[in-house]
Amino acid sequence: YQRRVHGVGVNRYIVSLDWTLQKLFSYLLDKLGLDASKPHRIKYLLTQAYFFAEDLERTLRELNFAEGGVRLRVERGSMPSRGNIVIKVKNASIHKKEDMPSEVELICSIDRKIEDIKKEAATLFGIPEEADKNKLYKTDWLEEPVMQIKKEDRTLAESAIKDADVLIFKDSETGISKDFLKVSVYFSASGKPRDAQLLDGIQIKEEATIGDLKRVIVENFDVFKGIIGDRLRVRELKKMNYPGTILRGTNKMLKKLNWTAGSASLFCSVVPEPEDLSDDQMNLFLRQRQVSTSLYGDFQEFTWKAPKVIKIADLKTQIARILNVEESTLELAKYFPYEFTWVPINSETLAAEVKRAKNKKGKPNDPKKGEAVIEENLVKAPYLLKDGDIIGYRFKNENEDGKDDWQTKEDIELKLKAREEKIKEPGVFRRNDAVGFQIFADLDA
């Protein structure tokens, strides 16, 4: 019995489960008008695997053909023997030759090594095989390359390569989209927060170093023409156009920076002298609090060699040296731009954090252990001091009445607006945005 299904090249047949696979095979070749003298094979679509030549004499019942029906596909190509699989290798190399095949099919043992597959593919494509010049990639269901097979001394089985899988053969020069990081480059002539303008986006391999990144930026944007890499300062750009951590280490690989979703926004500026910052150097911005107007002065940048444990006195001493004033005359606060809030840097704020932590736990203090203690270290909560932070300072004699709270009218208004509108960053998935959908597809279409 034969019936056309959906008009998409799918035929339905009613056959006996006592037929052998060979009988079914011959029957299908005849019904489909295929030349039996040429090699063909059958794929079981549920598992995407091919039947072996050794299965030809087995009955359909023995091969677990269900009474409800199975979906098969007849394809051109030799039928594999048991222990072998059929894989397809597509040529996506920039060295592809027009008079050579664009894809090849290999029937090979699951114990064969990836490096051997790559060599055979290179030969069939007419491309000279050099171990470090060509790569093989696994593909997704659209047969797009998604992952390089890096451990080429492993077998197909060890590399989880299955029957009917498709591999992509590529050169090492181009790579695939997943091999590249997407970088948005911003430029600030002043190097100050909220003063960066988008130049454009670039792509760079994740194996590239920070030194490579700087060279690419200098070569691609005229604004950096004539600038040597050591004078280009590159730092992460945070939300609301605020600069973050400065990228350090010329030879450090970009993939070790763990950028989310393989992309980043970078805040670039040019410094007067070449710099090579160490990990213990911290770059901060100072702003003087104008108590009489509840505003702040311009940004003043400084870099200092910070101790591993930064105490309030350490930061105050450094700032006093920069301003050439006595430490005892200064009071400090840190700005949290995403909260539109200035937080005083003093022992009272630390004590409040201890109380908050204790209340959050909801447990009484253990008399044996004493009161909860938070280490005085500005790198930790509640200050989390890091590259790019903004530190406000004021002179004690300007706040003798103690009424100045460090805040500005603009920050207060923005905070209220954020609370009322529940501002969220563009592009962030929100639960209420979710919608349901269905996908219908014919696998044989």
Foldseek 3Di string as FASTA:
>chain_A
DWDDPPPQPDIDDDDDQQDAQLVVVVVVCVVVVHDPVFAKWKAFVVVRFTDAPVRRGPGNVVVVQDPVGTDMDIGGDHHHHPQWAKEKEAEPEPPQDPVADRMDIDIGGQQAFQLVVLCVVCVRRVHDDDPQFKWKFFADPVRHGDGTPDPRRGGNVVVVNHHHTYMYMYTPPPDDPNQKFKEWEWEAAVLAFPRTDTDGIDIDGQQAFPLVVLVVVCVPDPVNPPPHSQQKWKFFADPPRFTFATDADRGHGNVVVVDPPRYTYIYIYGHPDGDHDDPQKAKEWEWEQDQVQLDTHDIDIDIDRADPFHAPVNVLVVVCVVVVHDSVFKWKWWADVVQLDTGTRDVVSQVVVQVVVCVVVVDDDDVVVDGDHDDRGCCDPPNVDGHRIYMYMYTCVVCVVVPRPSHHPVSVVVNVVCVVVVDDDPPDDDPVVDDDDDDDDDPSD
